[in-house]
Amino acid sequence: ETLKWRSTYKPEEIRWHEVAHEGETGKVSKANF
């Protein structure tokens, strides 16, 4: 089911410029620690 989901959703192909507007406030981010 995951392989099927990944073949259609293609999470590895998402690029930052596509989702950057969602992260403008820092609601989710990768920590520097």
ModelCIF file with pLDDT and N, C-alpha, C, O atoms, coordinates in Angstrom:
data_MODEL
#
_entry.id   MODEL 
#
_entity.id                         1 
_entity.type                       polymer 
_entity.pdbx_number_of_molecules   1 
#
_entity_poly.entity_id                      1 
_entity_poly.type                           'polypeptide(L)' 
_entity_poly.nstd_linkage                   no 
_entity_poly.nstd_monomer                   no 
_entity_poly.pdbx_seq_one_letter_code       ETLKWRSTYKPEEIRWHEVAHEGETGKVSKANF 
_entity_poly.pdbx_seq_one_letter_code_can   ETLKWRSTYKPEEIRWHEVAHEGETGKVSKANF 
_entity_poly.pdbx_strand_id                 A 
#
loop_
_entity_poly_seq.entity_id 
_entity_poly_seq.num 
_entity_poly_seq.mon_id 
_entity_poly_seq.hetero 
1 1  GLU n 
1 2  THR n 
1 3  LEU n 
1 4  LYS n 
1 5  TRP n 
1 6  ARG n 
1 7  SER n 
1 8  THR n 
1 9  TYR n 
1 10 LYS n 
1 11 PRO n 
1 12 GLU n 
1 13 GLU n 
1 14 ILE n 
1 15 ARG n 
1 16 TRP n 
1 17 HIS n 
1 18 GLU n 
1 19 VAL n 
1 20 ALA n 
1 21 HIS n 
1 22 GLU n 
1 23 GLY n 
1 24 GLU n 
1 25 THR n 
1 26 GLY n 
1 27 LYS n 
1 28 VAL n 
1 29 SER n 
1 30 LYS n 
1 31 ALA n 
1 32 ASN n 
1 33 PHE n 
#
_struct_asym.id          A 
_struct_asym.entity_id   1 
#
loop_
_ma_qa_metric.id 
_ma_qa_metric.mode 
_ma_qa_metric.name 
_ma_qa_metric.software_group_id 
_ma_qa_metric.type 
1 global pLDDT . pLDDT 
2 local  pLDDT . pLDDT 
#
_ma_qa_metric_global.metric_id      1 
_ma_qa_metric_global.metric_value   97.09 
_ma_qa_metric_global.model_id       1 
_ma_qa_metric_global.ordinal_id     1 
#
loop_
_ma_qa_metric_local.label_asym_id 
_ma_qa_metric_local.label_comp_id 
_ma_qa_metric_local.label_seq_id 
_ma_qa_metric_local.metric_id 
_ma_qa_metric_local.metric_value 
_ma_qa_metric_local.model_id 
_ma_qa_metric_local.ordinal_id 
A GLU 1  2 98.00 1 1  
A THR 2  2 98.00 1 2  
A LEU 3  2 98.00 1 3  
A LYS 4  2 98.00 1 4  
A TRP 5  2 98.00 1 5  
A ARG 6  2 98.00 1 6  
A SER 7  2 97.00 1 7  
A THR 8  2 98.00 1 8  
A TYR 9  2 98.00 1 9  
A LYS 10 2 97.00 1 10 
A PRO 11 2 98.00 1 11 
A GLU 12 2 97.00 1 12 
A GLU 13 2 97.00 1 13 
A ILE 14 2 98.00 1 14 
A ARG 15 2 97.00 1 15 
A TRP 16 2 98.00 1 16 
A HIS 17 2 97.00 1 17 
A GLU 18 2 98.00 1 18 
A VAL 19 2 98.00 1 19 
A ALA 20 2 98.00 1 20 
A HIS 21 2 97.00 1 21 
A GLU 22 2 97.00 1 22 
A GLY 23 2 97.00 1 23 
A GLU 24 2 97.00 1 24 
A THR 25 2 96.00 1 25 
A GLY 26 2 96.00 1 26 
A LYS 27 2 96.00 1 27 
A VAL 28 2 97.00 1 28 
A SER 29 2 97.00 1 29 
A LYS 30 2 96.00 1 30 
A ALA 31 2 96.00 1 31 
A ASN 32 2 93.00 1 32 
A PHE 33 2 95.00 1 33 
#
loop_
_atom_site.group_PDB 
_atom_site.id 
_atom_site.type_symbol 
_atom_site.label_atom_id 
_atom_site.label_alt_id 
_atom_site.label_comp_id 
_atom_site.label_asym_id 
_atom_site.label_entity_id 
_atom_site.label_seq_id 
_atom_site.pdbx_PDB_ins_code 
_atom_site.Cartn_x 
_atom_site.Cartn_y 
_atom_site.Cartn_z 
_atom_site.occupancy 
_atom_site.B_iso_or_equiv 
_atom_site.pdbx_formal_charge 
_atom_site.auth_seq_id 
_atom_site.auth_comp_id 
_atom_site.auth_asym_id 
_atom_site.auth_atom_id 
_atom_site.pdbx_PDB_model_num 
ATOM 1   N N  . GLU A 1 1  ? 0.833  -1.202 0.000  1.00 98.00 ? 1  GLU A N  1 
ATOM 2   C CA . GLU A 1 1  ? 0.000  0.000  0.000  1.00 98.00 ? 1  GLU A CA 1 
ATOM 3   C C  . GLU A 1 1  ? 0.869  1.254  0.000  1.00 98.00 ? 1  GLU A C  1 
ATOM 4   O O  . GLU A 1 1  ? 0.520  2.250  -0.633 1.00 98.00 ? 1  GLU A O  1 
ATOM 5   N N  . THR A 1 2  ? 2.001  1.210  0.707  1.00 98.00 ? 2  THR A N  1 
ATOM 6   C CA . THR A 1 2  ? 2.915  2.343  0.706  1.00 98.00 ? 2  THR A CA 1 
ATOM 7   C C  . THR A 1 2  ? 3.535  2.543  -0.673 1.00 98.00 ? 2  THR A C  1 
ATOM 8   O O  . THR A 1 2  ? 3.626  3.672  -1.156 1.00 98.00 ? 2  THR A O  1 
ATOM 9   N N  . LEU A 1 3  ? 3.960  1.455  -1.305 1.00 98.00 ? 3  LEU A N  1 
ATOM 10  C CA . LEU A 1 3  ? 4.559  1.561  -2.634 1.00 98.00 ? 3  LEU A CA 1 
ATOM 11  C C  . LEU A 1 3  ? 3.556  2.136  -3.640 1.00 98.00 ? 3  LEU A C  1 
ATOM 12  O O  . LEU A 1 3  ? 3.921  2.914  -4.522 1.00 98.00 ? 3  LEU A O  1 
ATOM 13  N N  . LYS A 1 4  ? 2.305  1.746  -3.493 1.00 98.00 ? 4  LYS A N  1 
ATOM 14  C CA . LYS A 1 4  ? 1.262  2.294  -4.361 1.00 98.00 ? 4  LYS A CA 1 
ATOM 15  C C  . LYS A 1 4  ? 1.067  3.782  -4.086 1.00 98.00 ? 4  LYS A C  1 
ATOM 16  O O  . LYS A 1 4  ? 0.939  4.582  -5.012 1.00 98.00 ? 4  LYS A O  1 
ATOM 17  N N  . TRP A 1 5  ? 1.045  4.141  -2.813 1.00 98.00 ? 5  TRP A N  1 
ATOM 18  C CA . TRP A 1 5  ? 0.886  5.560  -2.432 1.00 98.00 ? 5  TRP A CA 1 
ATOM 19  C C  . TRP A 1 5  ? 2.057  6.382  -2.957 1.00 98.00 ? 5  TRP A C  1 
ATOM 20  O O  . TRP A 1 5  ? 1.855  7.466  -3.506 1.00 98.00 ? 5  TRP A O  1 
ATOM 21  N N  . ARG A 1 6  ? 3.267  5.886  -2.797 1.00 98.00 ? 6  ARG A N  1 
ATOM 22  C CA . ARG A 1 6  ? 4.439  6.632  -3.238 1.00 98.00 ? 6  ARG A CA 1 
ATOM 23  C C  . ARG A 1 6  ? 4.471  6.783  -4.760 1.00 98.00 ? 6  ARG A C  1 
ATOM 24  O O  . ARG A 1 6  ? 4.979  7.780  -5.274 1.00 98.00 ? 6  ARG A O  1 
ATOM 25  N N  . SER A 1 7  ? 3.932  5.800  -5.478 1.00 97.00 ? 7  SER A N  1 
ATOM 26  C CA . SER A 1 7  ? 3.942  5.871  -6.945 1.00 97.00 ? 7  SER A CA 1 
ATOM 27  C C  . SER A 1 7  ? 2.991  6.943  -7.466 1.00 97.00 ? 7  SER A C  1 
ATOM 28  O O  . SER A 1 7  ? 3.176  7.453  -8.571 1.00 97.00 ? 7  SER A O  1 
ATOM 29  N N  . THR A 1 8  ? 1.970  7.290  -6.673 1.00 98.00 ? 8  THR A N  1 
ATOM 30  C CA . THR A 1 8  ? 1.008  8.304  -7.107 1.00 98.00 ? 8  THR A CA 1 
ATOM 31  C C  . THR A 1 8  ? 1.247  9.665  -6.436 1.00 98.00 ? 8  THR A C  1 
ATOM 32  O O  . THR A 1 8  ? 1.152  10.708 -7.083 1.00 98.00 ? 8  THR A O  1 
ATOM 33  N N  . TYR A 1 9  ? 1.555  9.641  -5.148 1.00 98.00 ? 9  TYR A N  1 
ATOM 34  C CA . TYR A 1 9  ? 1.782  10.900 -4.408 1.00 98.00 ? 9  TYR A CA 1 
ATOM 35  C C  . TYR A 1 9  ? 3.165  11.470 -4.695 1.00 98.00 ? 9  TYR A C  1 
ATOM 36  O O  . TYR A 1 9  ? 3.360  12.685 -4.658 1.00 98.00 ? 9  TYR A O  1 
ATOM 37  N N  . LYS A 1 10 ? 4.130  10.590 -4.981 1.00 97.00 ? 10 LYS A N  1 
ATOM 38  C CA . LYS A 1 10 ? 5.503  10.962 -5.314 1.00 97.00 ? 10 LYS A CA 1 
ATOM 39  C C  . LYS A 1 10 ? 6.127  11.913 -4.285 1.00 97.00 ? 10 LYS A C  1 
ATOM 40  O O  . LYS A 1 10 ? 6.533  13.019 -4.641 1.00 97.00 ? 10 LYS A O  1 
ATOM 41  N N  . PRO A 1 11 ? 6.207  11.501 -3.025 1.00 98.00 ? 11 PRO A N  1 
ATOM 42  C CA . PRO A 1 11 ? 6.736  12.390 -1.985 1.00 98.00 ? 11 PRO A CA 1 
ATOM 43  C C  . PRO A 1 11 ? 8.179  12.807 -2.225 1.00 98.00 ? 11 PRO A C  1 
ATOM 44  O O  . PRO A 1 11 ? 8.582  13.899 -1.826 1.00 98.00 ? 11 PRO A O  1 
ATOM 45  N N  . GLU A 1 12 ? 8.971  11.938 -2.882 1.00 97.00 ? 12 GLU A N  1 
ATOM 46  C CA . GLU A 1 12 ? 10.374 12.263 -3.121 1.00 97.00 ? 12 GLU A CA 1 
ATOM 47  C C  . GLU A 1 12 ? 10.558 13.327 -4.196 1.00 97.00 ? 12 GLU A C  1 
ATOM 48  O O  . GLU A 1 12 ? 11.664 13.834 -4.381 1.00 97.00 ? 12 GLU A O  1 
ATOM 49  N N  . GLU A 1 13 ? 9.480  13.672 -4.910 1.00 97.00 ? 13 GLU A N  1 
ATOM 50  C CA . GLU A 1 13 ? 9.568  14.678 -5.956 1.00 97.00 ? 13 GLU A CA 1 
ATOM 51  C C  . GLU A 1 13 ? 9.050  16.047 -5.520 1.00 97.00 ? 13 GLU A C  1 
ATOM 52  O O  . GLU A 1 13 ? 9.125  17.013 -6.279 1.00 97.00 ? 13 GLU A O  1 
ATOM 53  N N  . ILE A 1 14 ? 8.531  16.128 -4.311 1.00 98.00 ? 14 ILE A N  1 
ATOM 54  C CA . ILE A 1 14 ? 8.074  17.434 -3.815 1.00 98.00 ? 14 ILE A CA 1 
ATOM 55  C C  . ILE A 1 14 ? 9.296  18.328 -3.624 1.00 98.00 ? 14 ILE A C  1 
ATOM 56  O O  . ILE A 1 14 ? 10.316 17.886 -3.095 1.00 98.00 ? 14 ILE A O  1 
ATOM 57  N N  . ARG A 1 15 ? 9.193  19.571 -4.049 1.00 97.00 ? 15 ARG A N  1 
ATOM 58  C CA . ARG A 1 15 ? 10.285 20.521 -3.896 1.00 97.00 ? 15 ARG A CA 1 
ATOM 59  C C  . ARG A 1 15 ? 9.849  21.676 -2.991 1.00 97.00 ? 15 ARG A C  1 
ATOM 60  O O  . ARG A 1 15 ? 8.670  22.018 -2.898 1.00 97.00 ? 15 ARG A O  1 
ATOM 61  N N  . TRP A 1 16 ? 10.839 22.251 -2.338 1.00 98.00 ? 16 TRP A N  1 
ATOM 62  C CA . TRP A 1 16 ? 10.555 23.282 -1.344 1.00 98.00 ? 16 TRP A CA 1 
ATOM 63  C C  . TRP A 1 16 ? 9.731  24.428 -1.915 1.00 98.00 ? 16 TRP A C  1 
ATOM 64  O O  . TRP A 1 16 ? 8.827  24.931 -1.248 1.00 98.00 ? 16 TRP A O  1 
ATOM 65  N N  . HIS A 1 17 ? 10.031 24.844 -3.132 1.00 97.00 ? 17 HIS A N  1 
ATOM 66  C CA . HIS A 1 17 ? 9.302  25.990 -3.675 1.00 97.00 ? 17 HIS A CA 1 
ATOM 67  C C  . HIS A 1 17 ? 7.802  25.700 -3.815 1.00 97.00 ? 17 HIS A C  1 
ATOM 68  O O  . HIS A 1 17 ? 6.996  26.626 -3.901 1.00 97.00 ? 17 HIS A O  1 
ATOM 69  N N  . GLU A 1 18 ? 7.432  24.420 -3.838 1.00 98.00 ? 18 GLU A N  1 
ATOM 70  C CA . GLU A 1 18 ? 6.021  24.048 -3.936 1.00 98.00 ? 18 GLU A CA 1 
ATOM 71  C C  . GLU A 1 18 ? 5.287  24.186 -2.605 1.00 98.00 ? 18 GLU A C  1 
ATOM 72  O O  . GLU A 1 18 ? 4.071  24.379 -2.577 1.00 98.00 ? 18 GLU A O  1 
ATOM 73  N N  . VAL A 1 19 ? 6.024  24.089 -1.513 1.00 98.00 ? 19 VAL A N  1 
ATOM 74  C CA . VAL A 1 19 ? 5.389  24.084 -0.188 1.00 98.00 ? 19 VAL A CA 1 
ATOM 75  C C  . VAL A 1 19 ? 5.892  25.218 0.701  1.00 98.00 ? 19 VAL A C  1 
ATOM 76  O O  . VAL A 1 19 ? 5.479  25.334 1.855  1.00 98.00 ? 19 VAL A O  1 
ATOM 77  N N  . ALA A 1 20 ? 6.777  26.051 0.172  1.00 98.00 ? 20 ALA A N  1 
ATOM 78  C CA . ALA A 1 20 ? 7.413  27.098 0.984  1.00 98.00 ? 20 ALA A CA 1 
ATOM 79  C C  . ALA A 1 20 ? 6.400  28.032 1.637  1.00 98.00 ? 20 ALA A C  1 
ATOM 80  O O  . ALA A 1 20 ? 6.613  28.494 2.758  1.00 98.00 ? 20 ALA A O  1 
ATOM 81  N N  . HIS A 1 21 ? 5.299  28.312 0.939  1.00 97.00 ? 21 HIS A N  1 
ATOM 82  C CA . HIS A 1 21 ? 4.294  29.221 1.495  1.00 97.00 ? 21 HIS A CA 1 
ATOM 83  C C  . HIS A 1 21 ? 3.679  28.657 2.770  1.00 97.00 ? 21 HIS A C  1 
ATOM 84  O O  . HIS A 1 21 ? 3.248  29.406 3.646  1.00 97.00 ? 21 HIS A O  1 
ATOM 85  N N  . GLU A 1 22 ? 3.641  27.323 2.866  1.00 97.00 ? 22 GLU A N  1 
ATOM 86  C CA . GLU A 1 22 ? 3.116  26.698 4.077  1.00 97.00 ? 22 GLU A CA 1 
ATOM 87  C C  . GLU A 1 22 ? 4.071  26.888 5.258  1.00 97.00 ? 22 GLU A C  1 
ATOM 88  O O  . GLU A 1 22 ? 3.654  26.879 6.416  1.00 97.00 ? 22 GLU A O  1 
ATOM 89  N N  . GLY A 1 23 ? 5.348  27.058 4.948  1.00 97.00 ? 23 GLY A N  1 
ATOM 90  C CA . GLY A 1 23 ? 6.341  27.155 6.018  1.00 97.00 ? 23 GLY A CA 1 
ATOM 91  C C  . GLY A 1 23 ? 6.762  28.558 6.390  1.00 97.00 ? 23 GLY A C  1 
ATOM 92  O O  . GLY A 1 23 ? 7.719  28.736 7.143  1.00 97.00 ? 23 GLY A O  1 
ATOM 93  N N  . GLU A 1 24 ? 6.061  29.569 5.873  1.00 97.00 ? 24 GLU A N  1 
ATOM 94  C CA . GLU A 1 24 ? 6.479  30.947 6.102  1.00 97.00 ? 24 GLU A CA 1 
ATOM 95  C C  . GLU A 1 24 ? 6.548  31.326 7.573  1.00 97.00 ? 24 GLU A C  1 
ATOM 96  O O  . GLU A 1 24 ? 7.390  32.137 7.959  1.00 97.00 ? 24 GLU A O  1 
ATOM 97  N N  . THR A 1 25 ? 5.689  30.761 8.392  1.00 96.00 ? 25 THR A N  1 
ATOM 98  C CA . THR A 1 25 ? 5.658  31.115 9.819  1.00 96.00 ? 25 THR A CA 1 
ATOM 99  C C  . THR A 1 25 ? 6.489  30.165 10.678 1.00 96.00 ? 25 THR A C  1 
ATOM 100 O O  . THR A 1 25 ? 6.634  30.376 11.882 1.00 96.00 ? 25 THR A O  1 
ATOM 101 N N  . GLY A 1 26 ? 7.032  29.124 10.059 1.00 96.00 ? 26 GLY A N  1 
ATOM 102 C CA . GLY A 1 26 ? 7.811  28.167 10.820 1.00 96.00 ? 26 GLY A CA 1 
ATOM 103 C C  . GLY A 1 26 ? 6.963  27.201 11.621 1.00 96.00 ? 26 GLY A C  1 
ATOM 104 O O  . GLY A 1 26 ? 7.385  26.720 12.673 1.00 96.00 ? 26 GLY A O  1 
ATOM 105 N N  . LYS A 1 27 ? 5.752  26.913 11.119 1.00 96.00 ? 27 LYS A N  1 
ATOM 106 C CA . LYS A 1 27 ? 4.865  26.019 11.878 1.00 96.00 ? 27 LYS A CA 1 
ATOM 107 C C  . LYS A 1 27 ? 5.406  24.593 11.935 1.00 96.00 ? 27 LYS A C  1 
ATOM 108 O O  . LYS A 1 27 ? 5.127  23.860 12.884 1.00 96.00 ? 27 LYS A O  1 
ATOM 109 N N  . VAL A 1 28 ? 6.175  24.198 10.927 1.00 97.00 ? 28 VAL A N  1 
ATOM 110 C CA . VAL A 1 28 ? 6.903  22.928 10.961 1.00 97.00 ? 28 VAL A CA 1 
ATOM 111 C C  . VAL A 1 28 ? 8.269  23.183 10.319 1.00 97.00 ? 28 VAL A C  1 
ATOM 112 O O  . VAL A 1 28 ? 8.357  23.746 9.228  1.00 97.00 ? 28 VAL A O  1 
ATOM 113 N N  . SER A 1 29 ? 9.320  22.763 11.003 1.00 97.00 ? 29 SER A N  1 
ATOM 114 C CA . SER A 1 29 ? 10.657 22.960 10.458 1.00 97.00 ? 29 SER A CA 1 
ATOM 115 C C  . SER A 1 29 ? 11.605 21.911 11.012 1.00 97.00 ? 29 SER A C  1 
ATOM 116 O O  . SER A 1 29 ? 11.341 21.287 12.039 1.00 97.00 ? 29 SER A O  1 
ATOM 117 N N  . LYS A 1 30 ? 12.701 21.734 10.316 1.00 96.00 ? 30 LYS A N  1 
ATOM 118 C CA . LYS A 1 30 ? 13.741 20.828 10.798 1.00 96.00 ? 30 LYS A CA 1 
ATOM 119 C C  . LYS A 1 30 ? 14.652 21.609 11.722 1.00 96.00 ? 30 LYS A C  1 
ATOM 120 O O  . LYS A 1 30 ? 15.136 22.680 11.358 1.00 96.00 ? 30 LYS A O  1 
ATOM 121 N N  . ALA A 1 31 ? 14.890 21.084 12.914 1.00 96.00 ? 31 ALA A N  1 
ATOM 122 C CA . ALA A 1 31 ? 15.713 21.776 13.898 1.00 96.00 ? 31 ALA A CA 1 
ATOM 123 C C  . ALA A 1 31 ? 17.186 21.789 13.481 1.00 96.00 ? 31 ALA A C  1 
ATOM 124 O O  . ALA A 1 31 ? 17.634 20.937 12.714 1.00 96.00 ? 31 ALA A O  1 
ATOM 125 N N  . ASN A 1 32 ? 17.934 22.776 14.004 1.00 93.00 ? 32 ASN A N  1 
ATOM 126 C CA . ASN A 1 32 ? 19.370 22.835 13.730 1.00 93.00 ? 32 ASN A CA 1 
ATOM 127 C C  . ASN A 1 32 ? 20.171 22.122 14.818 1.00 93.00 ? 32 ASN A C  1 
ATOM 128 O O  . ASN A 1 32 ? 21.375 22.337 14.962 1.00 93.00 ? 32 ASN A O  1 
ATOM 129 N N  . PHE A 1 33 ? 19.486 21.273 15.578 1.00 95.00 ? 33 PHE A N  1 
ATOM 130 C CA . PHE A 1 33 ? 20.146 20.461 16.592 1.00 95.00 ? 33 PHE A CA 1 
ATOM 131 C C  . PHE A 1 33 ? 19.575 19.047 16.519 1.00 95.00 ? 33 PHE A C  1 
ATOM 132 O O  . PHE A 1 33 ? 19.984 18.176 17.286 1.00 95.00 ? 33 PHE A O  1 
#
